[in-house]
Amino acid sequence: MKERVLKGPGFRSSTSTSDWPTSFWHNESSADRFIDLLTHHFRLLGDAPYAGPRRDELRPAYRSFPVGEYLILYRVAEPGVCIMHVVPGRRNLEALVGH
């Protein structure tokens, strides 16, 4: 079976650890739960790639999906999704994607 969730080329650089809550530095189980939550949502999006609204104002074909205070920015990619960024929702998204 083909993988339904891919990481975009800028994924690693856009998920700087400075964006993670400071509690993750002191509570490994909290960080693990958050990573598990993200992974769960990645899989959900892989199965339902059109679940998030289009965000063409950021980049053509981008979509977003909230996870707590964070947003998953992704593109539909057959047969699922390509995760482009995971960012705090309060972050300036236009600056992140180069607008």
PDB file of N, CA and C in Angstrom:
ATOM      1  N   MET A   1       0.835  -1.177   0.000  1.00  0.00           N
ATOM      2  CA  MET A   1       0.000   0.000   0.000  1.00  0.00           C
ATOM      3  C   MET A   1       0.887   1.250   0.000  1.00  0.00           C
ATOM      4  N   LYS A   2       0.546   2.210  -0.821  1.00  0.00           N
ATOM      5  CA  LYS A   2       1.321   3.438  -0.934  1.00  0.00           C
ATOM      6  C   LYS A   2       1.070   4.334   0.280  1.00  0.00           C
ATOM      7  N   GLU A   3       2.134   4.997   0.729  1.00  0.00           N
ATOM      8  CA  GLU A   3       2.053   5.903   1.873  1.00  0.00           C
ATOM      9  C   GLU A   3       1.085   7.056   1.576  1.00  0.00           C
ATOM     10  N   ARG A   4       0.199   7.361   2.528  1.00  0.00           N
ATOM     11  CA  ARG A   4      -0.793   8.420   2.341  1.00  0.00           C
ATOM     12  C   ARG A   4      -0.351   9.766   2.905  1.00  0.00           C
ATOM     13  N   VAL A   5       0.737   9.777   3.668  1.00  0.00           N
ATOM     14  CA  VAL A   5       1.223  11.028   4.257  1.00  0.00           C
ATOM     15  C   VAL A   5       2.705  11.164   3.910  1.00  0.00           C
ATOM     16  N   LEU A   6       3.031  12.249   3.225  1.00  0.00           N
ATOM     17  CA  LEU A   6       4.410  12.557   2.859  1.00  0.00           C
ATOM     18  C   LEU A   6       4.809  13.862   3.533  1.00  0.00           C
ATOM     19  N   LYS A   7       6.111  14.047   3.740  1.00  0.00           N
ATOM     20  CA  LYS A   7       6.612  15.311   4.278  1.00  0.00           C
ATOM     21  C   LYS A   7       7.119  16.150   3.122  1.00  0.00           C
ATOM     22  N   GLY A   8       6.717  17.421   3.109  1.00  0.00           N
ATOM     23  CA  GLY A   8       7.166  18.346   2.082  1.00  0.00           C
ATOM     24  C   GLY A   8       8.631  18.697   2.264  1.00  0.00           C
ATOM     25  N   PRO A   9       9.260  19.273   1.234  1.00  0.00           N
ATOM     26  CA  PRO A   9      10.689  19.570   1.289  1.00  0.00           C
ATOM     27  C   PRO A   9      11.087  20.540   2.396  1.00  0.00           C
ATOM     28  N   GLY A  10      10.213  21.442   2.804  1.00  0.00           N
ATOM     29  CA  GLY A  10      10.537  22.396   3.865  1.00  0.00           C
ATOM     30  C   GLY A  10      10.046  21.980   5.228  1.00  0.00           C
ATOM     31  N   PHE A  11       9.553  20.761   5.355  1.00  0.00           N
ATOM     32  CA  PHE A  11       8.915  20.341   6.605  1.00  0.00           C
ATOM     33  C   PHE A  11       9.852  20.463   7.800  1.00  0.00           C
ATOM     34  N   ARG A  12      11.035  19.917   7.729  1.00  0.00           N
ATOM     35  CA  ARG A  12      11.948  19.932   8.870  1.00  0.00           C
ATOM     36  C   ARG A  12      12.292  21.356   9.291  1.00  0.00           C
ATOM     37  N   SER A  13      12.633  22.217   8.330  1.00  0.00           N
ATOM     38  CA  SER A  13      13.046  23.566   8.688  1.00  0.00           C
ATOM     39  C   SER A  13      11.897  24.413   9.232  1.00  0.00           C
ATOM     40  N   SER A  14      10.670  24.085   8.869  1.00  0.00           N
ATOM     41  CA  SER A  14       9.543  24.891   9.336  1.00  0.00           C
ATOM     42  C   SER A  14       9.028  24.456  10.691  1.00  0.00           C
ATOM     43  N   THR A  15       9.522  23.363  11.205  1.00  0.00           N
ATOM     44  CA  THR A  15       9.045  22.873  12.487  1.00  0.00           C
ATOM     45  C   THR A  15      10.148  23.010  13.534  1.00  0.00           C
ATOM     46  N   SER A  16      10.723  24.186  13.606  1.00  0.00           N
ATOM     47  CA  SER A  16      11.783  24.477  14.555  1.00  0.00           C
ATOM     48  C   SER A  16      11.323  24.180  15.973  1.00  0.00           C
ATOM     49  N   THR A  17      12.229  23.629  16.764  1.00  0.00           N
ATOM     50  CA  THR A  17      11.870  23.325  18.154  1.00  0.00           C
ATOM     51  C   THR A  17      11.568  24.584  18.951  1.00  0.00           C
ATOM     52  N   SER A  18      11.986  25.761  18.460  1.00  0.00           N
ATOM     53  CA  SER A  18      11.653  26.990  19.181  1.00  0.00           C
ATOM     54  C   SER A  18      10.153  27.278  19.123  1.00  0.00           C
ATOM     55  N   ASP A  19       9.448  26.646  18.188  1.00  0.00           N
ATOM     56  CA  ASP A  19       7.997  26.820  18.083  1.00  0.00           C
ATOM     57  C   ASP A  19       7.223  25.906  19.023  1.00  0.00           C
ATOM     58  N   TRP A  20       7.882  24.929  19.621  1.00  0.00           N
ATOM     59  CA  TRP A  20       7.189  23.994  20.506  1.00  0.00           C
ATOM     60  C   TRP A  20       7.044  24.608  21.887  1.00  0.00           C
ATOM     61  N   PRO A  21       5.973  24.254  22.600  1.00  0.00           N
ATOM     62  CA  PRO A  21       5.788  24.786  23.962  1.00  0.00           C
ATOM     63  C   PRO A  21       6.992  24.466  24.848  1.00  0.00           C
ATOM     64  N   THR A  22       7.346  25.404  25.722  1.00  0.00           N
ATOM     65  CA  THR A  22       8.495  25.181  26.606  1.00  0.00           C
ATOM     66  C   THR A  22       8.270  23.986  27.525  1.00  0.00           C
ATOM     67  N   SER A  23       7.012  23.624  27.781  1.00  0.00           N
ATOM     68  CA  SER A  23       6.748  22.467  28.642  1.00  0.00           C
ATOM     69  C   SER A  23       7.321  21.189  28.045  1.00  0.00           C
ATOM     70  N   PHE A  24       7.489  21.144  26.718  1.00  0.00           N
ATOM     71  CA  PHE A  24       8.035  19.938  26.086  1.00  0.00           C
ATOM     72  C   PHE A  24       9.489  19.705  26.475  1.00  0.00           C
ATOM     73  N   TRP A  25      10.198  20.781  26.795  1.00  0.00           N
ATOM     74  CA  TRP A  25      11.600  20.653  27.179  1.00  0.00           C
ATOM     75  C   TRP A  25      11.745  20.030  28.565  1.00  0.00           C
ATOM     76  N   HIS A  26      10.674  20.112  29.365  1.00  0.00           N
ATOM     77  CA  HIS A  26      10.741  19.634  30.739  1.00  0.00           C
ATOM     78  C   HIS A  26       9.839  18.428  31.004  1.00  0.00           C
ATOM     79  N   ASN A  27       9.036  18.055  30.016  1.00  0.00           N
ATOM     80  CA  ASN A  27       8.086  16.973  30.219  1.00  0.00           C
ATOM     81  C   ASN A  27       8.021  16.108  28.961  1.00  0.00           C
ATOM     82  N   GLU A  28       8.826  15.078  28.945  1.00  0.00           N
ATOM     83  CA  GLU A  28       8.924  14.218  27.768  1.00  0.00           C
ATOM     84  C   GLU A  28       7.590  13.560  27.430  1.00  0.00           C
ATOM     85  N   SER A  29       6.818  13.176  28.431  1.00  0.00           N
ATOM     86  CA  SER A  29       5.540  12.519  28.139  1.00  0.00           C
ATOM     87  C   SER A  29       4.561  13.490  27.477  1.00  0.00           C
ATOM     88  N   SER A  30       4.622  14.777  27.843  1.00  0.00           N
ATOM     89  CA  SER A  30       3.782  15.787  27.198  1.00  0.00           C
ATOM     90  C   SER A  30       4.178  15.936  25.728  1.00  0.00           C
ATOM     91  N   ALA A  31       5.464  15.975  25.466  1.00  0.00           N
ATOM     92  CA  ALA A  31       5.941  16.065  24.083  1.00  0.00           C
ATOM     93  C   ALA A  31       5.530  14.831  23.286  1.00  0.00           C
ATOM     94  N   ASP A  32       5.660  13.663  23.894  1.00  0.00           N
ATOM     95  CA  ASP A  32       5.263  12.419  23.204  1.00  0.00           C
ATOM     96  C   ASP A  32       3.779  12.419  22.864  1.00  0.00           C
ATOM     97  N   ARG A  33       2.945  12.891  23.783  1.00  0.00           N
ATOM     98  CA  ARG A  33       1.501  12.946  23.519  1.00  0.00           C
ATOM     99  C   ARG A  33       1.185  13.883  22.352  1.00  0.00           C
ATOM    100  N   PHE A  34       1.895  15.014  22.295  1.00  0.00           N
ATOM    101  CA  PHE A  34       1.663  15.956  21.217  1.00  0.00           C
ATOM    102  C   PHE A  34       2.094  15.355  19.871  1.00  0.00           C
ATOM    103  N   ILE A  35       3.232  14.713  19.842  1.00  0.00           N
ATOM    104  CA  ILE A  35       3.701  14.058  18.607  1.00  0.00           C
ATOM    105  C   ILE A  35       2.714  12.973  18.195  1.00  0.00           C
ATOM    106  N   ASP A  36       2.205  12.208  19.155  1.00  0.00           N
ATOM    107  CA  ASP A  36       1.188  11.186  18.841  1.00  0.00           C
ATOM    108  C   ASP A  36      -0.074  11.834  18.281  1.00  0.00           C
ATOM    109  N   LEU A  37      -0.478  12.963  18.857  1.00  0.00           N
ATOM    110  CA  LEU A  37      -1.664  13.673  18.373  1.00  0.00           C
ATOM    111  C   LEU A  37      -1.456  14.159  16.933  1.00  0.00           C
ATOM    112  N   LEU A  38      -0.286  14.734  16.656  1.00  0.00           N
ATOM    113  CA  LEU A  38       0.012  15.169  15.288  1.00  0.00           C
ATOM    114  C   LEU A  38      -0.013  13.990  14.324  1.00  0.00           C
ATOM    115  N   THR A  39       0.634  12.905  14.702  1.00  0.00           N
ATOM    116  CA  THR A  39       0.685  11.712  13.849  1.00  0.00           C
ATOM    117  C   THR A  39      -0.718  11.191  13.562  1.00  0.00           C
ATOM    118  N   HIS A  40      -1.562  11.193  14.585  1.00  0.00           N
ATOM    119  CA  HIS A  40      -2.960  10.778  14.414  1.00  0.00           C
ATOM    120  C   HIS A  40      -3.654  11.660  13.377  1.00  0.00           C
ATOM    121  N   HIS A  41      -3.466  12.972  13.473  1.00  0.00           N
ATOM    122  CA  HIS A  41      -4.095  13.893  12.530  1.00  0.00           C
ATOM    123  C   HIS A  41      -3.488  13.786  11.132  1.00  0.00           C
ATOM    124  N   PHE A  42      -2.197  13.513  11.045  1.00  0.00           N
ATOM    125  CA  PHE A  42      -1.595  13.277   9.731  1.00  0.00           C
ATOM    126  C   PHE A  42      -2.300  12.111   9.042  1.00  0.00           C
ATOM    127  N   ARG A  43      -2.524  11.046   9.796  1.00  0.00           N
ATOM    128  CA  ARG A  43      -3.195   9.864   9.222  1.00  0.00           C
ATOM    129  C   ARG A  43      -4.638  10.172   8.829  1.00  0.00           C
ATOM    130  N   LEU A  44      -5.338  10.927   9.687  1.00  0.00           N
ATOM    131  CA  LEU A  44      -6.711  11.319   9.354  1.00  0.00           C
ATOM    132  C   LEU A  44      -6.743  12.114   8.048  1.00  0.00           C
ATOM    133  N   LEU A  45      -5.821  13.046   7.909  1.00  0.00           N
ATOM    134  CA  LEU A  45      -5.763  13.840   6.684  1.00  0.00           C
ATOM    135  C   LEU A  45      -5.387  12.977   5.484  1.00  0.00           C
ATOM    136  N   GLY A  46      -4.540  11.996   5.694  1.00  0.00           N
ATOM    137  CA  GLY A  46      -4.196  11.073   4.614  1.00  0.00           C
ATOM    138  C   GLY A  46      -5.408  10.327   4.099  1.00  0.00           C
ATOM    139  N   ASP A  47      -6.325  10.009   5.002  1.00  0.00           N
ATOM    140  CA  ASP A  47      -7.553   9.302   4.620  1.00  0.00           C
ATOM    141  C   ASP A  47      -8.644  10.244   4.122  1.00  0.00           C
ATOM    142  N   ALA A  48      -8.597  11.513   4.533  1.00  0.00           N
ATOM    143  CA  ALA A  48      -9.614  12.499   4.140  1.00  0.00           C
ATOM    144  C   ALA A  48      -8.900  13.802   3.764  1.00  0.00           C
ATOM    145  N   PRO A  49      -8.198  13.822   2.639  1.00  0.00           N
ATOM    146  CA  PRO A  49      -7.344  14.959   2.306  1.00  0.00           C
ATOM    147  C   PRO A  49      -8.056  16.291   2.097  1.00  0.00           C
ATOM    148  N   TYR A  50      -9.344  16.268   1.861  1.00  0.00           N
ATOM    149  CA  TYR A  50     -10.063  17.521   1.640  1.00  0.00           C
ATOM    150  C   TYR A  50     -10.742  18.037   2.914  1.00  0.00           C
ATOM    151  N   ALA A  51     -10.359  17.512   4.071  1.00  0.00           N
ATOM    152  CA  ALA A  51     -10.977  17.902   5.340  1.00  0.00           C
ATOM    153  C   ALA A  51     -10.696  19.362   5.705  1.00  0.00           C
ATOM    154  N   GLY A  52      -9.519  19.848   5.394  1.00  0.00           N
ATOM    155  CA  GLY A  52      -9.169  21.225   5.731  1.00  0.00           C
ATOM    156  C   GLY A  52      -9.500  22.191   4.608  1.00  0.00           C
ATOM    157  N   PRO A  53      -9.778  23.451   4.963  1.00  0.00           N
ATOM    158  CA  PRO A  53     -10.104  24.447   3.938  1.00  0.00           C
ATOM    159  C   PRO A  53      -8.874  24.819   3.111  1.00  0.00           C
ATOM    160  N   ARG A  54      -9.129  25.237   1.878  1.00  0.00           N
ATOM    161  CA  ARG A  54      -8.046  25.731   1.018  1.00  0.00           C
ATOM    162  C   ARG A  54      -7.491  27.012   1.605  1.00  0.00           C
ATOM    163  N   ARG A  55      -6.187  27.195   1.429  1.00  0.00           N
ATOM    164  CA  ARG A  55      -5.510  28.404   1.918  1.00  0.00           C
ATOM    165  C   ARG A  55      -4.664  28.994   0.792  1.00  0.00           C
ATOM    166  N   ASP A  56      -5.319  29.264  -0.328  1.00  0.00           N
ATOM    167  CA  ASP A  56      -4.622  29.795  -1.495  1.00  0.00           C
ATOM    168  C   ASP A  56      -3.971  31.153  -1.231  1.00  0.00           C
ATOM    169  N   GLU A  57      -4.427  31.857  -0.183  1.00  0.00           N
ATOM    170  CA  GLU A  57      -3.803  33.138   0.140  1.00  0.00           C
ATOM    171  C   GLU A  57      -2.375  32.937   0.657  1.00  0.00           C
ATOM    172  N   LEU A  58      -2.063  31.718   1.106  1.00  0.00           N
ATOM    173  CA  LEU A  58      -0.708  31.408   1.571  1.00  0.00           C
ATOM    174  C   LEU A  58       0.160  30.923   0.418  1.00  0.00           C
ATOM    175  N   ARG A  59      -0.318  29.910  -0.263  1.00  0.00           N
ATOM    176  CA  ARG A  59       0.326  29.328  -1.442  1.00  0.00           C
ATOM    177  C   ARG A  59      -0.740  28.561  -2.202  1.00  0.00           C
ATOM    178  N   PRO A  60      -0.618  28.487  -3.524  1.00  0.00           N
ATOM    179  CA  PRO A  60      -1.609  27.729  -4.294  1.00  0.00           C
ATOM    180  C   PRO A  60      -1.712  26.283  -3.801  1.00  0.00           C
ATOM    181  N   ALA A  61      -2.946  25.850  -3.632  1.00  0.00           N
ATOM    182  CA  ALA A  61      -3.284  24.471  -3.246  1.00  0.00           C
ATOM    183  C   ALA A  61      -2.974  24.119  -1.791  1.00  0.00           C
ATOM    184  N   TYR A  62      -2.536  25.077  -0.978  1.00  0.00           N
ATOM    185  CA  TYR A  62      -2.339  24.787   0.446  1.00  0.00           C
ATOM    186  C   TYR A  62      -3.699  24.604   1.105  1.00  0.00           C
ATOM    187  N   ARG A  63      -3.723  23.765   2.122  1.00  0.00           N
ATOM    188  CA  ARG A  63      -4.876  23.572   2.986  1.00  0.00           C
ATOM    189  C   ARG A  63      -4.373  23.629   4.422  1.00  0.00           C
ATOM    190  N   SER A  64      -5.276  23.859   5.360  1.00  0.00           N
ATOM    191  CA  SER A  64      -4.875  23.882   6.770  1.00  0.00           C
ATOM    192  C   SER A  64      -5.836  23.046   7.589  1.00  0.00           C
ATOM    193  N   PHE A  65      -5.322  22.559   8.713  1.00  0.00           N
ATOM    194  CA  PHE A  65      -6.144  21.789   9.636  1.00  0.00           C
ATOM    195  C   PHE A  65      -5.632  22.066  11.044  1.00  0.00           C
ATOM    196  N   PRO A  66      -6.525  22.494  11.964  1.00  0.00           N
ATOM    197  CA  PRO A  66      -6.089  22.830  13.316  1.00  0.00           C
ATOM    198  C   PRO A  66      -5.893  21.602  14.197  1.00  0.00           C
ATOM    199  N   VAL A  67      -4.867  21.693  15.028  1.00  0.00           N
ATOM    200  CA  VAL A  67      -4.624  20.689  16.073  1.00  0.00           C
ATOM    201  C   VAL A  67      -4.251  21.489  17.316  1.00  0.00           C
ATOM    202  N   GLY A  68      -5.231  21.675  18.182  1.00  0.00           N
ATOM    203  CA  GLY A  68      -5.000  22.515  19.357  1.00  0.00           C
ATOM    204  C   GLY A  68      -4.656  23.926  18.919  1.00  0.00           C
ATOM    205  N   GLU A  69      -3.532  24.458  19.404  1.00  0.00           N
ATOM    206  CA  GLU A  69      -3.092  25.810  19.058  1.00  0.00           C
ATOM    207  C   GLU A  69      -2.222  25.822  17.798  1.00  0.00           C
ATOM    208  N   TYR A  70      -2.101  24.705  17.129  1.00  0.00           N
ATOM    209  CA  TYR A  70      -1.230  24.580  15.958  1.00  0.00           C
ATOM    210  C   TYR A  70      -2.041  24.362  14.698  1.00  0.00           C
ATOM    211  N   LEU A  71      -1.406  24.651  13.554  1.00  0.00           N
ATOM    212  CA  LEU A  71      -2.010  24.389  12.256  1.00  0.00           C
ATOM    213  C   LEU A  71      -1.102  23.464  11.463  1.00  0.00           C
ATOM    214  N   ILE A  72      -1.725  22.470  10.860  1.00  0.00           N
ATOM    215  CA  ILE A  72      -1.027  21.647   9.884  1.00  0.00           C
ATOM    216  C   ILE A  72      -1.305  22.283   8.529  1.00  0.00           C
ATOM    217  N   LEU A  73      -0.263  22.673   7.817  1.00  0.00           N
ATOM    218  CA  LEU A  73      -0.399  23.184   6.458  1.00  0.00           C
ATOM    219  C   LEU A  73       0.030  22.064   5.522  1.00  0.00           C
ATOM    220  N   TYR A  74      -0.817  21.752   4.558  1.00  0.00           N
ATOM    221  CA  TYR A  74      -0.547  20.602   3.702  1.00  0.00           C
ATOM    222  C   TYR A  74      -1.114  20.823   2.308  1.00  0.00           C
ATOM    223  N   ARG A  75      -0.733  19.926   1.412  1.00  0.00           N
ATOM    224  CA  ARG A  75      -1.281  19.884   0.056  1.00  0.00           C
ATOM    225  C   ARG A  75      -1.810  18.485  -0.195  1.00  0.00           C
ATOM    226  N   VAL A  76      -2.848  18.406  -1.004  1.00  0.00           N
ATOM    227  CA  VAL A  76      -3.360  17.103  -1.419  1.00  0.00           C
ATOM    228  C   VAL A  76      -2.350  16.518  -2.402  1.00  0.00           C
ATOM    229  N   ALA A  77      -1.969  15.271  -2.170  1.00  0.00           N
ATOM    230  CA  ALA A  77      -1.008  14.569  -3.032  1.00  0.00           C
ATOM    231  C   ALA A  77      -1.452  13.123  -3.133  1.00  0.00           C
ATOM    232  N   GLU A  78      -1.817  12.696  -4.304  1.00  0.00           N
ATOM    233  CA  GLU A  78      -2.321  11.335  -4.470  1.00  0.00           C
ATOM    234  C   GLU A  78      -1.316  10.316  -3.965  1.00  0.00           C
ATOM    235  N   PRO A  79      -1.750   9.400  -3.138  1.00  0.00           N
ATOM    236  CA  PRO A  79      -3.132   9.115  -2.761  1.00  0.00           C
ATOM    237  C   PRO A  79      -3.538   9.714  -1.423  1.00  0.00           C
ATOM    238  N   GLY A  80      -2.883  10.766  -0.947  1.00  0.00           N
ATOM    239  CA  GLY A  80      -3.211  11.329   0.370  1.00  0.00           C
ATOM    240  C   GLY A  80      -2.818  12.783   0.473  1.00  0.00           C
ATOM    241  N   VAL A  81      -1.863  13.095   1.367  1.00  0.00           N
ATOM    242  CA  VAL A  81      -1.441  14.471   1.593  1.00  0.00           C
ATOM    243  C   VAL A  81       0.079  14.563   1.699  1.00  0.00           C
ATOM    244  N   CYS A  82       0.567  15.784   1.484  1.00  0.00           N
ATOM    245  CA  CYS A  82       1.972  16.117   1.712  1.00  0.00           C
ATOM    246  C   CYS A  82       1.985  17.218   2.775  1.00  0.00           C
ATOM    247  N   ILE A  83       2.544  16.912   3.940  1.00  0.00           N
ATOM    248  CA  ILE A  83       2.599  17.866   5.045  1.00  0.00           C
ATOM    249  C   ILE A  83       3.709  18.866   4.738  1.00  0.00           C
ATOM    250  N   MET A  84       3.353  20.128   4.691  1.00  0.00           N
ATOM    251  CA  MET A  84       4.318  21.167   4.359  1.00  0.00           C
ATOM    252  C   MET A  84       4.885  21.839   5.618  1.00  0.00           C
ATOM    253  N   HIS A  85       4.020  22.135   6.591  1.00  0.00           N
ATOM    254  CA  HIS A  85       4.434  22.822   7.811  1.00  0.00           C
ATOM    255  C   HIS A  85       3.496  22.453   8.953  1.00  0.00           C
ATOM    256  N   VAL A  86       4.027  22.499  10.165  1.00  0.00           N
ATOM    257  CA  VAL A  86       3.216  22.478  11.390  1.00  0.00           C
ATOM    258  C   VAL A  86       3.670  23.699  12.176  1.00  0.00           C
ATOM    259  N   VAL A  87       2.751  24.633  12.389  1.00  0.00           N
ATOM    260  CA  VAL A  87       3.127  25.914  12.987  1.00  0.00           C
ATOM    261  C   VAL A  87       2.126  26.338  14.053  1.00  0.00           C
ATOM    262  N   PRO A  88       2.576  27.170  15.005  1.00  0.00           N
ATOM    263  CA  PRO A  88       1.623  27.740  15.953  1.00  0.00           C
ATOM    264  C   PRO A  88       0.612  28.590  15.194  1.00  0.00           C
ATOM    265  N   GLY A  89      -0.645  28.492  15.543  1.00  0.00           N
ATOM    266  CA  GLY A  89      -1.686  29.246  14.860  1.00  0.00           C
ATOM    267  C   GLY A  89      -1.523  30.744  14.980  1.00  0.00           C
ATOM    268  N   ARG A  90      -0.820  31.201  15.995  1.00  0.00           N
ATOM    269  CA  ARG A  90      -0.628  32.635  16.200  1.00  0.00           C
ATOM    270  C   ARG A  90       0.502  33.194  15.335  1.00  0.00           C
ATOM    271  N   ARG A  91       1.242  32.335  14.677  1.00  0.00           N
ATOM    272  CA  ARG A  91       2.385  32.766  13.863  1.00  0.00           C
ATOM    273  C   ARG A  91       1.917  33.475  12.596  1.00  0.00           C
ATOM    274  N   ASN A  92       2.722  34.395  12.096  1.00  0.00           N
ATOM    275  CA  ASN A  92       2.430  35.102  10.857  1.00  0.00           C
ATOM    276  C   ASN A  92       2.632  34.125   9.700  1.00  0.00           C
ATOM    277  N   LEU A  93       1.539  33.551   9.213  1.00  0.00           N
ATOM    278  CA  LEU A  93       1.637  32.515   8.199  1.00  0.00           C
ATOM    279  C   LEU A  93       2.140  33.036   6.858  1.00  0.00           C
ATOM    280  N   GLU A  94       1.777  34.259   6.510  1.00  0.00           N
ATOM    281  CA  GLU A  94       2.244  34.827   5.253  1.00  0.00           C
ATOM    282  C   GLU A  94       3.768  34.957   5.250  1.00  0.00           C
ATOM    283  N   ALA A  95       4.342  35.360   6.370  1.00  0.00           N
ATOM    284  CA  ALA A  95       5.795  35.479   6.474  1.00  0.00           C
ATOM    285  C   ALA A  95       6.463  34.097   6.390  1.00  0.00           C
ATOM    286  N   LEU A  96       5.831  33.104   6.974  1.00  0.00           N
ATOM    287  CA  LEU A  96       6.377  31.752   6.959  1.00  0.00           C
ATOM    288  C   LEU A  96       6.519  31.205   5.549  1.00  0.00           C
ATOM    289  N   VAL A  97       5.500  31.406   4.740  1.00  0.00           N
ATOM    290  CA  VAL A  97       5.515  30.812   3.391  1.00  0.00           C
ATOM    291  C   VAL A  97       6.038  31.761   2.327  1.00  0.00           C
ATOM    292  N   GLY A  98       6.544  32.908   2.756  1.00  0.00           N
ATOM    293  CA  GLY A  98       7.217  33.794   1.817  1.00  0.00           C
ATOM    294  C   GLY A  98       6.363  34.849   1.159  1.00  0.00           C
ATOM    295  N   HIS A  99       5.271  35.242   1.789  1.00  0.00           N
ATOM    296  CA  HIS A  99       4.426  36.319   1.221  1.00  0.00           C
ATOM    297  C   HIS A  99       4.518  37.541   2.082  1.00  0.00           C
TER     298      HIS A  99
END
